[in-house]
Protein backbone atom coordinates (compact mmCIF):
# COMPACT_ATOMS: atom_id res chain seq x y z
CA MET A 1 0.00 0.00 0.00
CA ARG A 2 1.07 3.57 -0.56
CA SER A 3 1.17 4.20 3.18
CA LEU A 4 3.17 1.11 3.94
CA PHE A 5 6.90 0.48 4.13
CA ALA A 6 9.51 -2.17 4.82
CA ILE A 7 12.04 -1.60 7.63
CA PHE A 8 15.18 -3.68 7.76
CA CYS A 9 17.02 -4.04 11.02
CA GLY A 10 18.75 -6.61 13.22
CA LEU A 11 17.33 -5.72 16.62
CA ALA A 12 15.86 -9.16 17.12
CA LEU A 13 15.90 -9.07 20.91
CA ILE A 14 14.18 -5.73 21.05
CA LEU A 15 11.56 -6.66 18.48
CA ALA A 16 10.82 -10.18 19.70
CA PRO A 17 7.21 -10.27 20.90
CA LEU A 18 6.73 -11.93 24.27
CA ARG A 19 3.37 -13.51 24.85
CA ALA A 20 3.75 -13.38 28.61
CA VAL A 21 4.20 -9.62 28.46
CA TRP A 22 1.59 -8.74 25.86
CA GLY A 23 -1.02 -11.44 26.30
CA TRP A 24 -2.18 -12.44 22.86
CA THR A 25 -5.72 -13.80 22.56
CA GLU A 26 -4.69 -16.46 20.07
CA GLU A 27 -1.52 -17.90 18.58
CA ARG A 28 -1.50 -20.24 15.61
CA GLN A 29 1.32 -21.89 13.68
CA LEU A 30 0.53 -22.07 9.98
CA GLY A 31 3.47 -23.55 8.14
CA SER A 32 6.28 -21.02 8.42
CA TYR A 33 3.90 -18.39 9.84
CA LEU A 34 3.44 -17.80 13.55
CA ILE A 35 0.28 -15.72 13.82
CA ARG A 36 -0.31 -13.81 17.06
CA SER A 37 -3.61 -11.98 17.39
CA GLU A 38 -5.46 -9.85 19.92
CA PHE A 39 -8.75 -11.20 18.57
CA ALA A 40 -10.05 -14.61 17.54
CA LEU A 41 -8.60 -15.69 14.21
CA ARG A 42 -11.95 -17.15 13.20
CA ASP A 43 -12.97 -13.52 12.64
CA VAL A 44 -10.46 -13.31 9.77
CA GLN A 45 -10.49 -16.91 8.58
CA GLY A 46 -10.51 -15.82 4.93
CA LEU A 47 -7.25 -13.96 5.46
CA VAL A 48 -5.71 -16.94 7.26
CA ASP A 49 -6.67 -19.16 4.33
CA ASP A 50 -5.15 -16.70 1.83
CA LEU A 51 -1.89 -16.60 3.79
CA GLY A 52 -1.66 -20.35 3.59
CA ASP A 53 -1.61 -20.11 -0.22
CA LEU A 54 0.39 -16.90 -0.63
CA GLN A 55 3.83 -18.50 -0.68
CA SER A 56 2.85 -21.02 -3.36
CA ASP A 57 1.16 -18.24 -5.36
CA ILE A 58 4.35 -16.15 -5.31
CA GLU A 59 6.55 -19.10 -6.17
CA ARG A 60 4.32 -20.15 -9.07
CA GLN A 61 3.89 -16.66 -10.50
CA LEU A 62 7.51 -15.55 -10.14
CA GLY A 63 9.38 -18.83 -10.57
CA LEU A 64 11.10 -18.32 -7.22
CA LYS A 65 11.63 -20.52 -4.18
CA CYS A 66 10.79 -18.82 -0.89
CA GLU A 67 12.67 -20.21 2.09
CA PRO A 68 11.24 -18.62 5.22
CA GLY A 69 12.56 -19.76 8.56
CA GLU A 70 9.76 -18.07 10.45
CA ILE A 71 7.50 -15.15 9.64
CA GLN A 72 5.67 -13.74 12.64
CA ILE A 73 2.39 -11.96 11.94
CA HIS A 74 1.05 -9.71 14.69
CA LEU A 75 -2.58 -8.62 14.48
CA PHE A 76 -3.88 -5.90 16.81
CA LYS A 77 -7.47 -5.14 17.72
CA SER A 78 -7.12 -1.37 17.30
CA LYS A 79 -4.82 1.38 16.11
CA TRP A 80 -4.26 2.40 19.73
CA SER A 81 -3.09 -1.10 20.67
CA TYR A 82 -0.88 -1.28 17.56
CA ASN A 83 0.74 2.07 18.35
CA SER A 84 1.20 1.14 22.00
CA TYR A 85 3.05 -2.04 21.04
CA LEU A 86 5.21 -0.51 18.32
CA SER A 87 6.09 2.67 20.20
CA LYS A 88 8.42 0.61 22.40
CA ARG A 89 9.85 -1.50 19.56
CA VAL A 90 9.65 0.28 16.19
CA PRO A 91 8.59 3.87 17.02
CA GLU A 92 8.62 5.01 13.39
CA GLY A 93 6.10 2.30 12.59
CA THR A 94 3.38 4.15 14.46
CA LYS A 95 3.14 6.50 11.46
CA ARG A 96 1.97 3.60 9.29
CA GLN A 97 -1.05 1.32 9.36
CA ALA A 98 1.03 -1.81 8.72
CA LEU A 99 4.67 -2.71 8.21
CA PHE A 100 7.21 -5.43 7.65
CA VAL A 101 10.38 -5.63 9.74
CA GLN A 102 13.23 -7.99 8.88
CA GLY A 103 15.03 -9.18 12.01
CA THR A 104 18.03 -11.47 12.25
CA ASP A 105 15.90 -14.35 13.53
CA ALA A 106 12.58 -13.83 11.74
CA GLY A 107 10.56 -11.53 9.52
CA ARG A 108 7.76 -9.71 11.32
CA VAL A 109 4.52 -8.24 10.02
CA TYR A 110 2.44 -5.82 12.10
CA ALA A 111 -1.08 -4.63 11.30
CA TYR A 112 -4.21 -3.54 13.14
CA ARG A 113 -7.85 -4.41 12.58
CA HIS A 114 -9.70 -2.14 10.16
CA SER A 115 -11.50 -2.48 6.84
CA GLY A 116 -8.23 -2.91 4.94
CA LEU A 117 -6.57 -5.42 7.27
CA ASP A 118 -6.59 -8.31 4.80
CA THR A 119 -4.99 -6.19 2.07
CA ASP A 120 -2.38 -4.80 4.45
CA VAL A 121 -1.34 -8.21 5.74
CA ARG A 122 -1.09 -9.80 2.30
CA HIS A 123 0.99 -6.80 1.13
CA GLU A 124 3.44 -6.91 4.01
CA THR A 125 3.68 -10.71 4.02
CA THR A 126 4.58 -10.54 0.32
CA HIS A 127 7.57 -8.38 1.33
CA ALA A 128 8.52 -10.95 3.97
CA LEU A 129 8.37 -13.86 1.51
CA LEU A 130 10.21 -12.06 -1.30
CA HIS A 131 13.12 -11.34 1.01
CA THR A 132 13.49 -15.04 1.75
CA ALA A 133 13.72 -15.81 -1.98
CA LEU A 134 16.07 -13.06 -3.13
CA PRO A 135 19.16 -11.52 -1.52
CA TYR A 136 18.21 -8.12 -2.89
CA VAL A 137 14.91 -6.61 -4.03
CA PRO A 138 14.86 -3.05 -5.46
CA ILE A 139 12.30 -0.89 -3.71
CA TRP A 140 10.16 -0.33 -6.81
CA LEU A 141 10.02 -4.07 -7.56
CA ASP A 142 9.38 -4.91 -3.91
CA GLU A 143 6.41 -2.55 -3.81
CA GLY A 144 5.16 -3.39 -7.29
CA LEU A 145 4.94 -7.07 -6.41
CA ALA A 146 3.43 -6.38 -2.97
CA GLU A 147 0.79 -4.23 -4.71
CA TYR A 148 0.12 -7.07 -7.14
CA PHE A 149 -0.29 -9.77 -4.47
CA GLU A 150 -2.20 -7.68 -1.91
CA PRO A 151 -5.74 -8.34 -3.26
CA SER A 152 -7.41 -11.66 -2.65
CA PRO A 153 -6.33 -14.24 -5.27
CA GLY A 154 -9.40 -13.89 -7.48
CA LEU A 155 -8.87 -10.15 -7.89
CA ARG A 156 -5.15 -10.03 -8.65
CA GLU A 157 -5.28 -10.11 -12.42
CA LYS A 158 -8.31 -7.91 -13.10
CA GLY A 159 -9.61 -6.53 -9.80
CA ASN A 160 -6.90 -4.12 -8.63
CA ALA A 161 -7.94 -0.45 -8.51
CA HIS A 162 -4.62 0.47 -10.13
CA ARG A 163 -5.91 -0.89 -13.43
CA GLY A 164 -8.65 1.72 -13.71
CA GLU A 165 -6.29 4.43 -12.46
CA LEU A 166 -3.77 3.63 -15.19
CA GLN A 167 -6.40 3.34 -17.90
CA TRP A 168 -7.49 6.86 -17.04
CA ALA A 169 -3.88 8.07 -16.90
CA ILE A 170 -3.25 6.58 -20.35
CA LYS A 171 -6.08 8.73 -21.75
CA LEU A 172 -4.22 11.74 -20.35
CA GLY A 173 -0.95 10.75 -22.04
CA TRP A 174 0.70 8.53 -19.42
CA ARG A 175 3.66 6.41 -20.48
CA PRO A 176 5.61 4.02 -18.25
CA SER A 177 9.05 5.14 -17.09
CA LEU A 178 10.74 2.06 -15.69
CA GLU A 179 14.14 3.74 -15.55
CA LYS A 180 12.66 6.41 -13.28
CA LEU A 181 11.30 3.73 -10.97
CA GLU A 182 14.64 1.94 -10.98
CA GLY A 183 16.25 5.16 -9.77
CA LYS A 184 14.29 5.02 -6.50
CA ARG A 185 16.46 3.89 -3.62
CA THR A 186 14.31 4.35 -0.50
CA GLN A 187 10.72 4.05 0.61
CA ALA A 188 10.55 7.80 1.09
CA GLU A 189 11.23 8.34 -2.61
CA MET A 190 8.20 6.30 -3.63
CA GLY A 191 5.19 8.51 -4.27
CA LYS A 192 1.56 7.48 -4.75
CA ASN A 193 1.86 7.23 -8.52
CA ASP A 194 5.10 5.25 -8.24
CA TYR A 195 3.22 2.42 -6.49
CA ARG A 196 0.59 2.51 -9.23
CA ASP A 197 3.20 2.53 -12.00
CA ALA A 198 5.25 -0.25 -10.39
CA TRP A 199 2.09 -2.36 -10.24
CA GLY A 200 1.40 -1.62 -13.91
CA VAL A 201 4.85 -2.76 -15.02
CA MET A 202 4.63 -5.94 -12.96
CA HIS A 203 1.13 -6.71 -14.26
CA PHE A 204 2.51 -6.44 -17.80
CA VAL A 205 5.46 -8.68 -16.92
CA LEU A 206 3.23 -11.34 -15.32
CA HIS A 207 0.31 -11.23 -17.77
CA GLY A 208 1.84 -9.81 -20.93
CA PRO A 209 3.96 -11.49 -23.61
CA PRO A 210 6.17 -14.48 -22.74
CA GLU A 211 9.24 -12.36 -23.47
CA ALA A 212 8.44 -10.23 -20.43
CA ARG A 213 8.45 -13.24 -18.12
CA GLU A 214 11.69 -14.40 -19.70
CA ALA A 215 13.22 -11.02 -18.89
CA LEU A 216 12.09 -11.25 -15.26
CA ALA A 217 13.44 -14.80 -14.92
CA LYS A 218 16.83 -13.71 -16.29
CA TYR A 219 16.88 -10.74 -13.92
CA PHE A 220 16.12 -12.94 -10.91
CA GLU A 221 18.84 -15.35 -12.02
CA GLU A 222 21.37 -12.52 -12.00
CA VAL A 223 20.19 -11.26 -8.59
CA GLN A 224 20.55 -14.72 -7.09
CA SER A 225 24.05 -15.11 -8.54
CA GLY A 226 25.30 -12.42 -6.17
CA LYS A 227 26.64 -10.26 -9.00
CA ALA A 228 25.31 -6.79 -9.81
CA PRO A 229 22.33 -7.48 -12.10
CA MET A 230 21.60 -5.68 -15.31
CA PRO A 231 18.52 -3.49 -14.67
CA LEU A 232 15.23 -5.18 -15.47
CA SER A 233 14.46 -2.35 -17.90
CA GLN A 234 17.39 -3.43 -20.08
CA HIS A 235 16.33 -7.08 -20.01
CA LEU A 236 12.84 -6.03 -21.10
CA ARG A 237 14.02 -3.71 -23.87
CA ARG A 238 16.28 -6.39 -25.31
CA ARG A 239 13.29 -8.66 -25.75
CA ILE A 240 10.53 -6.06 -26.32
CA PRO A 241 11.89 -3.12 -28.39
CA ASN A 242 8.60 -1.19 -28.19
CA PHE A 243 8.37 -1.76 -24.43
CA GLU A 244 6.48 1.42 -23.42
CA GLN A 245 3.80 1.01 -26.07
CA ALA A 246 3.47 -2.68 -25.27
CA VAL A 247 2.75 -1.82 -21.61
CA ILE A 248 0.16 0.78 -22.65
CA ASP A 249 -1.57 -1.62 -25.05
CA HIS A 250 -1.61 -4.31 -22.35
CA LEU A 251 -3.15 -2.07 -19.69
CA LYS A 252 -5.81 -0.71 -22.04
């Protein structure tokens, strides 16, 4: 989400949630996820079911292998409770409605109950899973993929609001600028339209011509090799010379 961000730090002891101190209503182990909640998880069973499939969805769509040791998901009953918990652990997180924190021992997702809880948790858990599959994920790609996987599975291809936003922007002369996105280095540099545009590029890559998927696979291969990868934009242009127009035609 545009108001979300990923924080990377190694303060595992500080961040480690202690049930005895906080008093979670329910804890559930779901594969590599340890879900801690201040309310009954039956209230969000649809979300729990989606989380169970999210890793396989990401692996299938991206051709990656996620290898999470443990991902802890913390669900709070209110914004006040969320802020109270984070103020002592990740103070800057209180400015957000959900976040992902990478610790040395586990990835941690924090979110509070509101109408967008399901979307927030899927978005942040996507970050957590991606960072177990790749040693490095550029911020624009990290957010573009999190935006793609944040809706429920049936809405990912055609139900994201970004699709309508970009169709309108295209009427006003919008063209994708992947190189501009690749120049972003921090969360703070990502504006509202950058999230939308990153989603648009990734939707094209995942649902456009086979050459686009080939470019992504080659890029991931280079990232996993440990060497400095050639930018994804260059991989795409090598295979799709009219890249910008192809993205526009796809999103129309």
